Each structure stands twice: as C-alpha cells, then as structure tokens.
PDB file of N, CA and C in Angstrom:
ATOM      1  N   UNK A   1     -14.029   3.615 -11.016  1.00  0.00           N
ATOM      2  CA  UNK A   1     -13.874   2.335 -10.346  1.00  0.00           C
ATOM      3  C   UNK A   1     -12.516   2.301  -9.634  1.00  0.00           C
ATOM      4  N   UNK A   2     -12.521   1.786  -8.432  1.00  0.00           N
ATOM      5  CA  UNK A   2     -11.283   1.772  -7.652  1.00  0.00           C
ATOM      6  C   UNK A   2     -10.377   0.614  -8.081  1.00  0.00           C
ATOM      7  N   UNK A   3      -9.107   0.769  -7.792  1.00  0.00           N
ATOM      8  CA  UNK A   3      -8.125  -0.244  -8.144  1.00  0.00           C
ATOM      9  C   UNK A   3      -7.275  -0.553  -6.918  1.00  0.00           C
ATOM     10  N   UNK A   4      -7.036  -1.831  -6.659  1.00  0.00           N
ATOM     11  CA  UNK A   4      -6.289  -2.275  -5.492  1.00  0.00           C
ATOM     12  C   UNK A   4      -4.818  -2.482  -5.838  1.00  0.00           C
ATOM     13  N   UNK A   5      -3.944  -1.963  -4.964  1.00  0.00           N
ATOM     14  CA  UNK A   5      -2.507  -2.078  -5.154  1.00  0.00           C
ATOM     15  C   UNK A   5      -1.888  -2.885  -4.022  1.00  0.00           C
ATOM     16  N   UNK A   6      -0.868  -3.667  -4.353  1.00  0.00           N
ATOM     17  CA  UNK A   6      -0.068  -4.392  -3.362  1.00  0.00           C
ATOM     18  C   UNK A   6       1.117  -3.511  -2.998  1.00  0.00           C
ATOM     19  N   UNK A   7       1.424  -3.441  -1.702  1.00  0.00           N
ATOM     20  CA  UNK A   7       2.569  -2.670  -1.231  1.00  0.00           C
ATOM     21  C   UNK A   7       3.436  -3.589  -0.383  1.00  0.00           C
ATOM     22  N   UNK A   8       4.667  -3.835  -0.830  1.00  0.00           N
ATOM     23  CA  UNK A   8       5.571  -4.731  -0.117  1.00  0.00           C
ATOM     24  C   UNK A   8       6.766  -4.007   0.475  1.00  0.00           C
ATOM     25  N   UNK A   9       7.526  -4.737   1.289  1.00  0.00           N
ATOM     26  CA  UNK A   9       8.736  -4.235   1.962  1.00  0.00           C
ATOM     27  C   UNK A   9       8.430  -3.115   2.957  1.00  0.00           C
ATOM     28  N   UNK A  10       7.281  -3.211   3.630  1.00  0.00           N
ATOM     29  CA  UNK A  10       6.929  -2.200   4.631  1.00  0.00           C
ATOM     30  C   UNK A  10       7.734  -2.407   5.907  1.00  0.00           C
ATOM     31  N   UNK A  11       8.047  -1.316   6.572  1.00  0.00           N
ATOM     32  CA  UNK A  11       8.707  -1.375   7.881  1.00  0.00           C
ATOM     33  C   UNK A  11       7.699  -1.900   8.907  1.00  0.00           C
ATOM     34  N   UNK A  12       8.203  -2.517   9.981  1.00  0.00           N
ATOM     35  CA  UNK A  12       7.311  -3.049  11.021  1.00  0.00           C
ATOM     36  C   UNK A  12       6.471  -1.933  11.631  1.00  0.00           C
ATOM     37  N   UNK A  13       7.011  -0.716  11.667  1.00  0.00           N
ATOM     38  CA  UNK A  13       6.340   0.413  12.321  1.00  0.00           C
ATOM     39  C   UNK A  13       5.261   1.063  11.456  1.00  0.00           C
ATOM     40  N   UNK A  14       5.172   0.721  10.193  1.00  0.00           N
ATOM     41  CA  UNK A  14       4.201   1.356   9.300  1.00  0.00           C
ATOM     42  C   UNK A  14       2.777   1.008   9.724  1.00  0.00           C
ATOM     43  N   UNK A  15       1.921   2.027   9.780  1.00  0.00           N
ATOM     44  CA  UNK A  15       0.518   1.831  10.163  1.00  0.00           C
ATOM     45  C   UNK A  15      -0.393   2.108   8.970  1.00  0.00           C
ATOM     46  N   UNK A  16      -1.667   1.784   9.122  1.00  0.00           N
ATOM     47  CA  UNK A  16      -2.645   2.084   8.074  1.00  0.00           C
ATOM     48  C   UNK A  16      -2.638   3.584   7.759  1.00  0.00           C
ATOM     49  N   UNK A  17      -2.557   4.414   8.805  1.00  0.00           N
ATOM     50  CA  UNK A  17      -2.600   5.872   8.623  1.00  0.00           C
ATOM     51  C   UNK A  17      -1.378   6.395   7.868  1.00  0.00           C
ATOM     52  N   UNK A  18      -0.173   5.904   8.206  1.00  0.00           N
ATOM     53  CA  UNK A  18       1.017   6.388   7.498  1.00  0.00           C
ATOM     54  C   UNK A  18       1.028   5.892   6.055  1.00  0.00           C
ATOM     55  N   UNK A  19       0.540   4.675   5.836  1.00  0.00           N
ATOM     56  CA  UNK A  19       0.445   4.134   4.480  1.00  0.00           C
ATOM     57  C   UNK A  19      -0.515   4.984   3.648  1.00  0.00           C
ATOM     58  N   UNK A  20      -1.667   5.305   4.225  1.00  0.00           N
ATOM     59  CA  UNK A  20      -2.657   6.117   3.509  1.00  0.00           C
ATOM     60  C   UNK A  20      -2.102   7.493   3.179  1.00  0.00           C
ATOM     61  N   UNK A  21      -1.468   8.150   4.143  1.00  0.00           N
ATOM     62  CA  UNK A  21      -0.964   9.505   3.884  1.00  0.00           C
ATOM     63  C   UNK A  21       0.148   9.497   2.833  1.00  0.00           C
ATOM     64  N   UNK A  22       0.964   8.447   2.799  1.00  0.00           N
ATOM     65  CA  UNK A  22       2.020   8.352   1.788  1.00  0.00           C
ATOM     66  C   UNK A  22       1.409   8.234   0.388  1.00  0.00           C
ATOM     67  N   UNK A  23       0.346   7.462   0.259  1.00  0.00           N
ATOM     68  CA  UNK A  23      -0.272   7.239  -1.052  1.00  0.00           C
ATOM     69  C   UNK A  23      -1.161   8.393  -1.499  1.00  0.00           C
ATOM     70  N   UNK A  24      -1.572   9.261  -0.584  1.00  0.00           N
ATOM     71  CA  UNK A  24      -2.389  10.419  -0.960  1.00  0.00           C
ATOM     72  C   UNK A  24      -1.619  11.395  -1.848  1.00  0.00           C
ATOM     73  N   UNK A  25      -0.278  11.277  -1.896  1.00  0.00           N
ATOM     74  CA  UNK A  25       0.536  12.092  -2.812  1.00  0.00           C
ATOM     75  C   UNK A  25       0.180  11.805  -4.264  1.00  0.00           C
ATOM     76  N   UNK A  26      -0.309  10.594  -4.529  1.00  0.00           N
ATOM     77  CA  UNK A  26      -0.562  10.167  -5.905  1.00  0.00           C
ATOM     78  C   UNK A  26      -2.026  10.275  -6.313  1.00  0.00           C
ATOM     79  N   UNK A  27      -2.926  10.541  -5.358  1.00  0.00           N
ATOM     80  CA  UNK A  27      -4.341  10.641  -5.702  1.00  0.00           C
ATOM     81  C   UNK A  27      -5.237  10.231  -4.555  1.00  0.00           C
ATOM     82  N   UNK A  28      -6.520  10.046  -4.874  1.00  0.00           N
ATOM     83  CA  UNK A  28      -7.530   9.710  -3.865  1.00  0.00           C
ATOM     84  C   UNK A  28      -7.361   8.266  -3.376  1.00  0.00           C
ATOM     85  N   UNK A  29      -7.247   8.120  -2.059  1.00  0.00           N
ATOM     86  CA  UNK A  29      -7.097   6.800  -1.444  1.00  0.00           C
ATOM     87  C   UNK A  29      -8.415   6.427  -0.775  1.00  0.00           C
ATOM     88  N   UNK A  30      -8.979   5.284  -1.161  1.00  0.00           N
ATOM     89  CA  UNK A  30     -10.227   4.827  -0.546  1.00  0.00           C
ATOM     90  C   UNK A  30      -9.964   4.052   0.737  1.00  0.00           C
ATOM     91  N   UNK A  31      -8.889   3.237   0.745  1.00  0.00           N
ATOM     92  CA  UNK A  31      -8.529   2.496   1.959  1.00  0.00           C
ATOM     93  C   UNK A  31      -7.066   2.097   1.894  1.00  0.00           C
ATOM     94  N   UNK A  32      -6.485   1.905   3.086  1.00  0.00           N
ATOM     95  CA  UNK A  32      -5.096   1.460   3.199  1.00  0.00           C
ATOM     96  C   UNK A  32      -5.018   0.508   4.384  1.00  0.00           C
ATOM     97  N   UNK A  33      -4.526  -0.708   4.148  1.00  0.00           N
ATOM     98  CA  UNK A  33      -4.466  -1.716   5.200  1.00  0.00           C
ATOM     99  C   UNK A  33      -3.107  -2.377   5.237  1.00  0.00           C
ATOM    100  N   UNK A  34      -2.461  -2.334   6.399  1.00  0.00           N
ATOM    101  CA  UNK A  34      -1.237  -3.090   6.634  1.00  0.00           C
ATOM    102  C   UNK A  34      -1.689  -4.443   7.180  1.00  0.00           C
ATOM    103  N   UNK A  35      -1.208  -5.536   6.592  1.00  0.00           N
ATOM    104  CA  UNK A  35      -1.608  -6.873   7.020  1.00  0.00           C
ATOM    105  C   UNK A  35      -0.828  -7.257   8.280  1.00  0.00           C
ATOM    106  N   UNK A  36      -1.575  -7.645   9.316  1.00  0.00           N
ATOM    107  CA  UNK A  36      -0.979  -7.966  10.609  1.00  0.00           C
ATOM    108  C   UNK A  36      -1.018  -9.477  10.864  1.00  0.00           C
ATOM    109  N   UNK A  37       0.004  -9.983  11.555  1.00  0.00           N
ATOM    110  CA  UNK A  37       0.052 -11.381  11.965  1.00  0.00           C
ATOM    111  C   UNK A  37      -0.901 -11.569  13.143  1.00  0.00           C
ATOM    112  N   UNK A  38      -1.792 -12.541  13.068  1.00  0.00           N
ATOM    113  CA  UNK A  38      -2.789 -12.755  14.120  1.00  0.00           C
ATOM    114  C   UNK A  38      -2.168 -13.197  15.435  1.00  0.00           C
ATOM    115  N   UNK A  39      -1.103 -13.962  15.365  1.00  0.00           N
ATOM    116  CA  UNK A  39      -0.483 -14.494  16.586  1.00  0.00           C
ATOM    117  C   UNK A  39       0.351 -13.435  17.308  1.00  0.00           C
ATOM    118  N   UNK A  40       1.219 -12.748  16.582  1.00  0.00           N
ATOM    119  CA  UNK A  40       2.144 -11.803  17.221  1.00  0.00           C
ATOM    120  C   UNK A  40       1.590 -10.380  17.277  1.00  0.00           C
ATOM    121  N   UNK A  41       0.622 -10.061  16.415  1.00  0.00           N
ATOM    122  CA  UNK A  41       0.091  -8.707  16.353  1.00  0.00           C
ATOM    123  C   UNK A  41       1.013  -7.738  15.634  1.00  0.00           C
ATOM    124  N   UNK A  42       2.077  -8.261  15.025  1.00  0.00           N
ATOM    125  CA  UNK A  42       3.052  -7.439  14.325  1.00  0.00           C
ATOM    126  C   UNK A  42       2.766  -7.459  12.820  1.00  0.00           C
ATOM    127  N   UNK A  43       3.180  -6.409  12.147  1.00  0.00           N
ATOM    128  CA  UNK A  43       3.001  -6.317  10.701  1.00  0.00           C
ATOM    129  C   UNK A  43       3.698  -7.477   9.996  1.00  0.00           C
ATOM    130  N   UNK A  44       3.092  -7.943   8.906  1.00  0.00           N
ATOM    131  CA  UNK A  44       3.723  -8.977   8.078  1.00  0.00           C
ATOM    132  C   UNK A  44       4.648  -8.361   7.031  1.00  0.00           C
ATOM    133  N   UNK A  45       4.706  -7.025   6.969  1.00  0.00           N
ATOM    134  CA  UNK A  45       5.611  -6.356   6.043  1.00  0.00           C
ATOM    135  C   UNK A  45       5.013  -6.050   4.685  1.00  0.00           C
ATOM    136  N   UNK A  46       3.692  -6.225   4.557  1.00  0.00           N
ATOM    137  CA  UNK A  46       3.036  -5.849   3.303  1.00  0.00           C
ATOM    138  C   UNK A  46       1.622  -5.374   3.594  1.00  0.00           C
ATOM    139  N   UNK A  47       1.015  -4.771   2.592  1.00  0.00           N
ATOM    140  CA  UNK A  47      -0.343  -4.279   2.760  1.00  0.00           C
ATOM    141  C   UNK A  47      -0.989  -4.006   1.412  1.00  0.00           C
ATOM    142  N   UNK A  48      -2.181  -3.445   1.475  1.00  0.00           N
ATOM    143  CA  UNK A  48      -2.937  -3.137   0.265  1.00  0.00           C
ATOM    144  C   UNK A  48      -3.508  -1.731   0.365  1.00  0.00           C
ATOM    145  N   UNK A  49      -3.507  -1.031  -0.765  1.00  0.00           N
ATOM    146  CA  UNK A  49      -4.080   0.307  -0.851  1.00  0.00           C
ATOM    147  C   UNK A  49      -5.085   0.297  -1.982  1.00  0.00           C
ATOM    148  N   UNK A  50      -6.269   0.826  -1.728  1.00  0.00           N
ATOM    149  CA  UNK A  50      -7.282   0.922  -2.761  1.00  0.00           C
ATOM    150  C   UNK A  50      -7.360   2.377  -3.206  1.00  0.00           C
ATOM    151  N   UNK A  51      -7.019   2.601  -4.463  1.00  0.00           N
ATOM    152  CA  UNK A  51      -7.013   3.952  -5.031  1.00  0.00           C
ATOM    153  C   UNK A  51      -8.375   4.240  -5.658  1.00  0.00           C
ATOM    154  N   UNK A  52      -8.737   5.521  -5.731  1.00  0.00           N
ATOM    155  CA  UNK A  52     -10.047   5.936  -6.214  1.00  0.00           C
ATOM    156  C   UNK A  52     -10.313   5.682  -7.687  1.00  0.00           C
ATOM    157  N   UNK A  53      -9.264   5.667  -8.507  1.00  0.00           N
ATOM    158  CA  UNK A  53      -9.457   5.458  -9.945  1.00  0.00           C
ATOM    159  C   UNK A  53      -8.244   4.748 -10.536  1.00  0.00           C
ATOM    160  N   UNK A  54      -8.399   4.265 -11.748  1.00  0.00           N
ATOM    161  CA  UNK A  54      -7.289   3.623 -12.457  1.00  0.00           C
ATOM    162  C   UNK A  54      -6.149   4.612 -12.690  1.00  0.00           C
ATOM    163  N   UNK A  55      -6.500   5.862 -12.963  1.00  0.00           N
ATOM    164  CA  UNK A  55      -5.490   6.900 -13.192  1.00  0.00           C
ATOM    165  C   UNK A  55      -4.664   7.126 -11.929  1.00  0.00           C
ATOM    166  N   UNK A  56      -5.346   7.222 -10.776  1.00  0.00           N
ATOM    167  CA  UNK A  56      -4.647   7.408  -9.501  1.00  0.00           C
ATOM    168  C   UNK A  56      -3.765   6.200  -9.193  1.00  0.00           C
ATOM    169  N   UNK A  57      -4.248   5.006  -9.500  1.00  0.00           N
ATOM    170  CA  UNK A  57      -3.476   3.788  -9.252  1.00  0.00           C
ATOM    171  C   UNK A  57      -2.218   3.761 -10.111  1.00  0.00           C
ATOM    172  N   UNK A  58      -2.343   4.097 -11.387  1.00  0.00           N
ATOM    173  CA  UNK A  58      -1.181   4.145 -12.278  1.00  0.00           C
ATOM    174  C   UNK A  58      -0.172   5.180 -11.802  1.00  0.00           C
ATOM    175  N   UNK A  59      -0.676   6.315 -11.360  1.00  0.00           N
ATOM    176  CA  UNK A  59       0.179   7.377 -10.845  1.00  0.00           C
ATOM    177  C   UNK A  59       0.914   6.913  -9.586  1.00  0.00           C
ATOM    178  N   UNK A  60       0.217   6.209  -8.712  1.00  0.00           N
ATOM    179  CA  UNK A  60       0.828   5.707  -7.470  1.00  0.00           C
ATOM    180  C   UNK A  60       1.933   4.705  -7.773  1.00  0.00           C
ATOM    181  N   UNK A  61       1.704   3.804  -8.715  1.00  0.00           N
ATOM    182  CA  UNK A  61       2.727   2.815  -9.075  1.00  0.00           C
ATOM    183  C   UNK A  61       3.953   3.537  -9.632  1.00  0.00           C
ATOM    184  N   UNK A  62       3.718   4.485 -10.528  1.00  0.00           N
ATOM    185  CA  UNK A  62       4.815   5.211 -11.170  1.00  0.00           C
ATOM    186  C   UNK A  62       5.611   6.054 -10.168  1.00  0.00           C
ATOM    187  N   UNK A  63       4.905   6.797  -9.306  1.00  0.00           N
ATOM    188  CA  UNK A  63       5.563   7.715  -8.378  1.00  0.00           C
ATOM    189  C   UNK A  63       6.140   7.033  -7.137  1.00  0.00           C
ATOM    190  N   UNK A  64       5.432   6.019  -6.613  1.00  0.00           N
ATOM    191  CA  UNK A  64       5.773   5.508  -5.285  1.00  0.00           C
ATOM    192  C   UNK A  64       6.532   4.186  -5.265  1.00  0.00           C
ATOM    193  N   UNK A  65       6.575   3.453  -6.372  1.00  0.00           N
ATOM    194  CA  UNK A  65       7.363   2.221  -6.407  1.00  0.00           C
ATOM    195  C   UNK A  65       8.837   2.592  -6.247  1.00  0.00           C
ATOM    196  N   UNK A  66       9.471   2.063  -5.212  1.00  0.00           N
ATOM    197  CA  UNK A  66      10.864   2.388  -4.938  1.00  0.00           C
ATOM    198  C   UNK A  66      11.044   3.590  -4.024  1.00  0.00           C
ATOM    199  N   UNK A  67       9.931   4.225  -3.636  1.00  0.00           N
ATOM    200  CA  UNK A  67      10.036   5.381  -2.733  1.00  0.00           C
ATOM    201  C   UNK A  67      10.286   4.900  -1.305  1.00  0.00           C
ATOM    202  N   UNK A  68      10.684   5.826  -0.442  1.00  0.00           N
ATOM    203  CA  UNK A  68      10.997   5.474   0.932  1.00  0.00           C
ATOM    204  C   UNK A  68       9.830   5.808   1.854  1.00  0.00           C
ATOM    205  N   UNK A  69       9.462   4.842   2.705  1.00  0.00           N
ATOM    206  CA  UNK A  69       8.411   5.021   3.702  1.00  0.00           C
ATOM    207  C   UNK A  69       8.905   4.410   5.003  1.00  0.00           C
ATOM    208  N   UNK A  70       8.967   5.200   6.058  1.00  0.00           N
ATOM    209  CA  UNK A  70       9.444   4.740   7.373  1.00  0.00           C
ATOM    210  C   UNK A  70      10.821   4.070   7.286  1.00  0.00           C
ATOM    211  N   UNK A  71      11.691   4.623   6.435  1.00  0.00           N
ATOM    212  CA  UNK A  71      13.063   4.138   6.346  1.00  0.00           C
ATOM    213  C   UNK A  71      13.280   2.935   5.447  1.00  0.00           C
ATOM    214  N   UNK A  72      12.254   2.492   4.724  1.00  0.00           N
ATOM    215  CA  UNK A  72      12.396   1.337   3.817  1.00  0.00           C
ATOM    216  C   UNK A  72      11.923   1.716   2.430  1.00  0.00           C
ATOM    217  N   UNK A  73      12.577   1.150   1.409  1.00  0.00           N
ATOM    218  CA  UNK A  73      12.120   1.341   0.023  1.00  0.00           C
ATOM    219  C   UNK A  73      10.983   0.358  -0.219  1.00  0.00           C
ATOM    220  N   UNK A  74       9.822   0.894  -0.584  1.00  0.00           N
ATOM    221  CA  UNK A  74       8.653   0.037  -0.771  1.00  0.00           C
ATOM    222  C   UNK A  74       8.501  -0.402  -2.225  1.00  0.00           C
ATOM    223  N   UNK A  75       7.791  -1.508  -2.400  1.00  0.00           N
ATOM    224  CA  UNK A  75       7.475  -2.053  -3.718  1.00  0.00           C
ATOM    225  C   UNK A  75       5.972  -1.866  -3.922  1.00  0.00           C
ATOM    226  N   UNK A  76       5.573  -1.268  -5.046  1.00  0.00           N
ATOM    227  CA  UNK A  76       4.170  -1.024  -5.331  1.00  0.00           C
ATOM    228  C   UNK A  76       3.829  -1.655  -6.679  1.00  0.00           C
ATOM    229  N   UNK A  77       2.782  -2.479  -6.685  1.00  0.00           N
ATOM    230  CA  UNK A  77       2.326  -3.088  -7.938  1.00  0.00           C
ATOM    231  C   UNK A  77       0.820  -3.310  -7.866  1.00  0.00           C
ATOM    232  N   UNK A  78       0.237  -3.622  -9.007  1.00  0.00           N
ATOM    233  CA  UNK A  78      -1.190  -3.922  -9.043  1.00  0.00           C
ATOM    234  C   UNK A  78      -1.410  -5.246  -8.307  1.00  0.00           C
ATOM    235  N   UNK A  79      -2.411  -5.270  -7.434  1.00  0.00           N
ATOM    236  CA  UNK A  79      -2.702  -6.478  -6.664  1.00  0.00           C
ATOM    237  C   UNK A  79      -3.340  -7.534  -7.565  1.00  0.00           C
ATOM    238  N   UNK A  80      -2.952  -8.782  -7.332  1.00  0.00           N
ATOM    239  CA  UNK A  80      -3.565  -9.889  -8.059  1.00  0.00           C
ATOM    240  C   UNK A  80      -4.901 -10.220  -7.406  1.00  0.00           C
ATOM    241  N   UNK A  81      -5.860 -10.756  -8.161  1.00  0.00           N
ATOM    242  CA  UNK A  81      -7.158 -11.127  -7.573  1.00  0.00           C
ATOM    243  C   UNK A  81      -6.994 -12.212  -6.509  1.00  0.00           C
ATOM    244  N   UNK A  82      -7.884 -12.188  -5.508  1.00  0.00           N
ATOM    245  CA  UNK A  82      -7.849 -13.206  -4.461  1.00  0.00           C
ATOM    246  C   UNK A  82      -8.180 -14.565  -5.065  1.00  0.00           C
ATOM    247  N   UNK A  83      -7.481 -15.588  -4.592  1.00  0.00           N
ATOM    248  CA  UNK A  83      -7.754 -16.958  -5.042  1.00  0.00           C
ATOM    249  C   UNK A  83      -8.650 -17.603  -4.003  1.00  0.00           C
ATOM    250  N   UNK A  84      -9.755 -18.134  -4.441  1.00  0.00           N
ATOM    251  CA  UNK A  84     -10.736 -18.727  -3.505  1.00  0.00           C
ATOM    252  C   UNK A  84     -10.247 -20.029  -2.922  1.00  0.00           C
TER     253      UNK A  84
END
C-alpha cells in the first residue's frame, strides 16, 4: 500500500520531475506533485510524494528530511489526511 508524504520548503524552481528523482533515492515513487498557485502559476513551496510502500516512505523521511533540493533544505513528513 502506498503512503503519501508532505514535502515543504521547496524552491520556486522545483518541478514534479526533480521532486520525483530526488525521492527515488529512497525507494519506489508512485507520484510527485509540486502544488502550484492558480493565479500566478508559481509554486506554493510545498508538494506531495506518494511512495510505493510504508518501508519506502519511512526510508524517505529518514534519509531526505533536511536534505538539500534545488538549493533549499526540504522538510519531509507523513501527510495528514485531507479534511473534507
């Protein structure tokens, strides 16, 4: 079962592809999305990565929290469920 992770403190230049390739160091990535502002079209500075398994997700949090991506130290944690 896949697990969704929150990724914060992203650089404005970070794309879905660079986010995905960074997280592939920790395991199988099912999807990677940088959240974009609808009005400006610019990144909001955070995104979500869906890892292939709980083990891969735990590994990603351990290895990548505090790591550098596009010149910024990123924050990685388990995503909270969406509130309806």
